[in-house]
Amino acid sequence: MTDAVSSSLSAVIDLIDGYMHRVLKGREDPVFVVEELKGALTELHPKVDVGNVDGLYPIYADLSDIVDGYPFDYDDGTEMIAQREIRDAAWDWLSIPRNADGMKTYVDHWTARIAALPTTEGGRPFRGNAGRLEGE
């Protein structure tokens, strides 16, 4: 790994760490924190192509979609489930090795976990444009 890639990867990990710590502190609504993170990833992605950065946005988009009730609908428990899933994702993020392999493991795990969630039509979460970020 070149120094530039290593530096970019560290910057991405540090950026996401900040949001994940905010989620776990519990002072803010985790859904709003993830919405902010999605914006940061959208700005970051065209500039940084390291690790699995492009796999992170769809994970956080699907997690924040839970609270909207589509494609996931858990009736009265929807908001609680969304917050729980986001907190679990934050905890898992902060537990991974701080490298590209850790990021890949995280993306693979959370992509599978979200795909296993039941949706309103019995299908899988919508991955607009095959999971790519807007503007790709």
C-alpha atoms as a PDB file:
ATOM      1  CA  MET A   1       0.000   0.000   0.000  1.00  0.00           C
ATOM      2  CA  THR A   2       1.434   3.372  -0.952  1.00  0.00           C
ATOM      3  CA  ASP A   3       1.765   6.155   1.583  1.00  0.00           C
ATOM      4  CA  ALA A   4      -0.943   8.172  -0.217  1.00  0.00           C
ATOM      5  CA  VAL A   5      -3.418   5.266  -0.105  1.00  0.00           C
ATOM      6  CA  SER A   6      -2.544   4.544   3.524  1.00  0.00           C
ATOM      7  CA  SER A   7      -3.037   8.193   4.403  1.00  0.00           C
ATOM      8  CA  SER A   8      -6.373   8.339   2.550  1.00  0.00           C
ATOM      9  CA  LEU A   9      -7.577   5.162   4.229  1.00  0.00           C
ATOM     10  CA  SER A  10      -6.631   6.517   7.644  1.00  0.00           C
ATOM     11  CA  ALA A  11      -8.504   9.736   6.884  1.00  0.00           C
ATOM     12  CA  VAL A  12     -11.631   7.800   5.879  1.00  0.00           C
ATOM     13  CA  ILE A  13     -11.455   5.627   8.988  1.00  0.00           C
ATOM     14  CA  ASP A  14     -10.963   8.683  11.205  1.00  0.00           C
ATOM     15  CA  LEU A  15     -13.911  10.446   9.560  1.00  0.00           C
ATOM     16  CA  ILE A  16     -16.251   7.506  10.088  1.00  0.00           C
ATOM     17  CA  ASP A  17     -14.925   6.966  13.617  1.00  0.00           C
ATOM     18  CA  GLY A  18     -16.109  10.443  14.546  1.00  0.00           C
ATOM     19  CA  TYR A  19     -19.656   9.725  13.413  1.00  0.00           C
ATOM     20  CA  MET A  20     -19.722   6.301  15.058  1.00  0.00           C
ATOM     21  CA  HIS A  21     -18.568   7.771  18.378  1.00  0.00           C
ATOM     22  CA  ARG A  22     -21.386  10.316  18.117  1.00  0.00           C
ATOM     23  CA  VAL A  23     -23.898   7.501  17.574  1.00  0.00           C
ATOM     24  CA  LEU A  24     -22.693   5.610  20.621  1.00  0.00           C
ATOM     25  CA  LYS A  25     -22.562   8.636  22.926  1.00  0.00           C
ATOM     26  CA  GLY A  26     -26.349   8.723  22.655  1.00  0.00           C
ATOM     27  CA  ARG A  27     -26.699  12.495  22.776  1.00  0.00           C
ATOM     28  CA  GLU A  28     -28.039  12.688  19.225  1.00  0.00           C
ATOM     29  CA  ASP A  29     -30.557  10.712  17.224  1.00  0.00           C
ATOM     30  CA  PRO A  30     -28.491   7.993  15.510  1.00  0.00           C
ATOM     31  CA  VAL A  31     -30.577   8.315  12.344  1.00  0.00           C
ATOM     32  CA  PHE A  32     -29.649  11.992  12.010  1.00  0.00           C
ATOM     33  CA  VAL A  33     -25.972  11.204  12.598  1.00  0.00           C
ATOM     34  CA  VAL A  34     -26.084   8.569   9.851  1.00  0.00           C
ATOM     35  CA  GLU A  35     -27.753  11.083   7.519  1.00  0.00           C
ATOM     36  CA  GLU A  36     -24.832  13.446   8.125  1.00  0.00           C
ATOM     37  CA  LEU A  37     -22.379  10.598   7.540  1.00  0.00           C
ATOM     38  CA  LYS A  38     -24.043   9.785   4.215  1.00  0.00           C
ATOM     39  CA  GLY A  39     -23.494  13.391   3.141  1.00  0.00           C
ATOM     40  CA  ALA A  40     -19.847  13.238   4.178  1.00  0.00           C
ATOM     41  CA  LEU A  41     -19.350   9.985   2.256  1.00  0.00           C
ATOM     42  CA  THR A  42     -20.970  11.483  -0.840  1.00  0.00           C
ATOM     43  CA  GLU A  43     -18.531  14.391  -0.729  1.00  0.00           C
ATOM     44  CA  LEU A  44     -15.583  12.149   0.045  1.00  0.00           C
ATOM     45  CA  HIS A  45     -16.162   9.353  -2.449  1.00  0.00           C
ATOM     46  CA  PRO A  46     -15.193  11.045  -5.730  1.00  0.00           C
ATOM     47  CA  LYS A  47     -11.930  12.153  -4.123  1.00  0.00           C
ATOM     48  CA  VAL A  48     -10.979   8.959  -2.304  1.00  0.00           C
ATOM     49  CA  ASP A  49     -10.895   5.464  -3.767  1.00  0.00           C
ATOM     50  CA  VAL A  50      -9.529   3.303  -0.968  1.00  0.00           C
ATOM     51  CA  GLY A  51     -10.746   0.232   0.807  1.00  0.00           C
ATOM     52  CA  ASN A  52     -14.460  -0.291   0.409  1.00  0.00           C
ATOM     53  CA  VAL A  53     -15.537   3.326   0.712  1.00  0.00           C
ATOM     54  CA  ASP A  54     -18.086   2.823  -2.070  1.00  0.00           C
ATOM     55  CA  GLY A  55     -19.636  -0.053  -0.101  1.00  0.00           C
ATOM     56  CA  LEU A  56     -20.269   2.049   2.989  1.00  0.00           C
ATOM     57  CA  TYR A  57     -22.851   4.486   1.603  1.00  0.00           C
ATOM     58  CA  PRO A  58     -25.432   1.796   0.693  1.00  0.00           C
ATOM     59  CA  ILE A  59     -25.138   0.298   4.175  1.00  0.00           C
ATOM     60  CA  TYR A  60     -25.870   3.595   5.894  1.00  0.00           C
ATOM     61  CA  ALA A  61     -28.581   4.447   3.366  1.00  0.00           C
ATOM     62  CA  ASP A  62     -30.357   1.180   4.096  1.00  0.00           C
ATOM     63  CA  LEU A  63     -29.976   1.655   7.847  1.00  0.00           C
ATOM     64  CA  SER A  64     -31.483   5.131   7.690  1.00  0.00           C
ATOM     65  CA  ASP A  65     -34.270   3.848   5.403  1.00  0.00           C
ATOM     66  CA  ILE A  66     -35.531   1.600   8.184  1.00  0.00           C
ATOM     67  CA  VAL A  67     -36.992   4.620   9.971  1.00  0.00           C
ATOM     68  CA  ASP A  68     -38.846   5.681   6.802  1.00  0.00           C
ATOM     69  CA  GLY A  69     -40.817   2.429   6.799  1.00  0.00           C
ATOM     70  CA  TYR A  70     -39.804   1.380   3.293  1.00  0.00           C
ATOM     71  CA  PRO A  71     -38.563  -1.077   2.231  1.00  0.00           C
ATOM     72  CA  PHE A  72     -38.584  -2.027   5.907  1.00  0.00           C
ATOM     73  CA  ASP A  73     -41.716  -1.697   8.031  1.00  0.00           C
ATOM     74  CA  TYR A  74     -41.735  -2.792  11.636  1.00  0.00           C
ATOM     75  CA  ASP A  75     -44.843  -0.900  12.718  1.00  0.00           C
ATOM     76  CA  ASP A  76     -44.511   0.717  16.146  1.00  0.00           C
ATOM     77  CA  GLY A  77     -40.996  -0.657  16.620  1.00  0.00           C
ATOM     78  CA  THR A  78     -39.577   0.889  13.465  1.00  0.00           C
ATOM     79  CA  GLU A  79     -37.663   3.766  15.035  1.00  0.00           C
ATOM     80  CA  MET A  80     -36.327   1.621  17.873  1.00  0.00           C
ATOM     81  CA  ILE A  81     -35.140  -1.049  15.416  1.00  0.00           C
ATOM     82  CA  ALA A  82     -33.487   1.554  13.186  1.00  0.00           C
ATOM     83  CA  GLN A  83     -31.646   3.039  16.147  1.00  0.00           C
ATOM     84  CA  ARG A  84     -30.596  -0.405  17.380  1.00  0.00           C
ATOM     85  CA  GLU A  85     -29.248  -1.423  13.976  1.00  0.00           C
ATOM     86  CA  ILE A  86     -27.349   1.858  13.643  1.00  0.00           C
ATOM     87  CA  ARG A  87     -25.848   1.464  17.112  1.00  0.00           C
ATOM     88  CA  ASP A  88     -24.846  -2.112  16.287  1.00  0.00           C
ATOM     89  CA  ALA A  89     -23.227  -0.876  13.059  1.00  0.00           C
ATOM     90  CA  ALA A  90     -21.362   1.812  15.006  1.00  0.00           C
ATOM     91  CA  TRP A  91     -20.137  -0.658  17.603  1.00  0.00           C
ATOM     92  CA  ASP A  92     -19.004  -3.062  14.894  1.00  0.00           C
ATOM     93  CA  TRP A  93     -17.229  -0.275  13.013  1.00  0.00           C
ATOM     94  CA  LEU A  94     -15.250   0.758  16.062  1.00  0.00           C
ATOM     95  CA  SER A  95     -14.335  -2.889  16.699  1.00  0.00           C
ATOM     96  CA  ILE A  96     -12.781  -3.644  13.300  1.00  0.00           C
ATOM     97  CA  PRO A  97      -9.070  -3.628  12.591  1.00  0.00           C
ATOM     98  CA  ARG A  98      -8.137  -0.146  11.412  1.00  0.00           C
ATOM     99  CA  ASN A  99      -7.144  -1.189   7.866  1.00  0.00           C
ATOM    100  CA  ALA A 100      -8.546  -2.075   4.427  1.00  0.00           C
ATOM    101  CA  ASP A 101      -9.175  -5.702   5.425  1.00  0.00           C
ATOM    102  CA  GLY A 102     -11.166  -4.580   8.459  1.00  0.00           C
ATOM    103  CA  MET A 103     -13.221  -2.240   6.286  1.00  0.00           C
ATOM    104  CA  LYS A 104     -13.898  -5.027   3.769  1.00  0.00           C
ATOM    105  CA  THR A 105     -14.998  -7.398   6.532  1.00  0.00           C
ATOM    106  CA  TYR A 106     -17.310  -4.700   7.910  1.00  0.00           C
ATOM    107  CA  VAL A 107     -18.851  -3.953   4.501  1.00  0.00           C
ATOM    108  CA  ASP A 108     -19.351  -7.654   3.745  1.00  0.00           C
ATOM    109  CA  HIS A 109     -20.905  -8.312   7.161  1.00  0.00           C
ATOM    110  CA  TRP A 110     -23.284  -5.357   7.076  1.00  0.00           C
ATOM    111  CA  THR A 111     -24.271  -5.892   3.462  1.00  0.00           C
ATOM    112  CA  ALA A 112     -25.291  -9.445   4.384  1.00  0.00           C
ATOM    113  CA  ARG A 113     -27.010  -8.377   7.607  1.00  0.00           C
ATOM    114  CA  ILE A 114     -29.102  -5.756   5.846  1.00  0.00           C
ATOM    115  CA  ALA A 115     -29.945  -8.146   3.011  1.00  0.00           C
ATOM    116  CA  ALA A 116     -31.329 -10.548   5.624  1.00  0.00           C
ATOM    117  CA  LEU A 117     -33.760  -7.991   7.070  1.00  0.00           C
ATOM    118  CA  PRO A 118     -37.364  -8.651   6.057  1.00  0.00           C
ATOM    119  CA  THR A 119     -38.769  -5.983   3.783  1.00  0.00           C
ATOM    120  CA  THR A 120     -42.321  -4.808   3.175  1.00  0.00           C
ATOM    121  CA  GLU A 121     -42.625  -6.795  -0.035  1.00  0.00           C
ATOM    122  CA  GLY A 122     -40.640  -9.805   1.129  1.00  0.00           C
ATOM    123  CA  GLY A 123     -37.735  -8.853  -1.098  1.00  0.00           C
ATOM    124  CA  ARG A 124     -34.380  -7.332  -0.403  1.00  0.00           C
ATOM    125  CA  PRO A 125     -33.507  -3.708   0.302  1.00  0.00           C
ATOM    126  CA  PHE A 126     -33.389  -1.532  -2.784  1.00  0.00           C
ATOM    127  CA  ARG A 127     -29.862  -0.794  -3.866  1.00  0.00           C
ATOM    128  CA  GLY A 128     -30.365   2.099  -6.247  1.00  0.00           C
ATOM    129  CA  ASN A 129     -27.934   1.911  -9.156  1.00  0.00           C
ATOM    130  CA  ALA A 130     -26.468  -1.407  -7.891  1.00  0.00           C
ATOM    131  CA  GLY A 131     -25.338   0.118  -4.603  1.00  0.00           C
ATOM    132  CA  ARG A 132     -23.332   2.931  -6.162  1.00  0.00           C
ATOM    133  CA  LEU A 133     -23.170   6.435  -4.791  1.00  0.00           C
ATOM    134  CA  GLU A 134     -25.049   9.187  -6.545  1.00  0.00           C
ATOM    135  CA  GLY A 135     -22.951  10.795  -9.264  1.00  0.00           C
ATOM    136  CA  GLU A 136     -21.038   7.637 -10.177  1.00  0.00           C
END
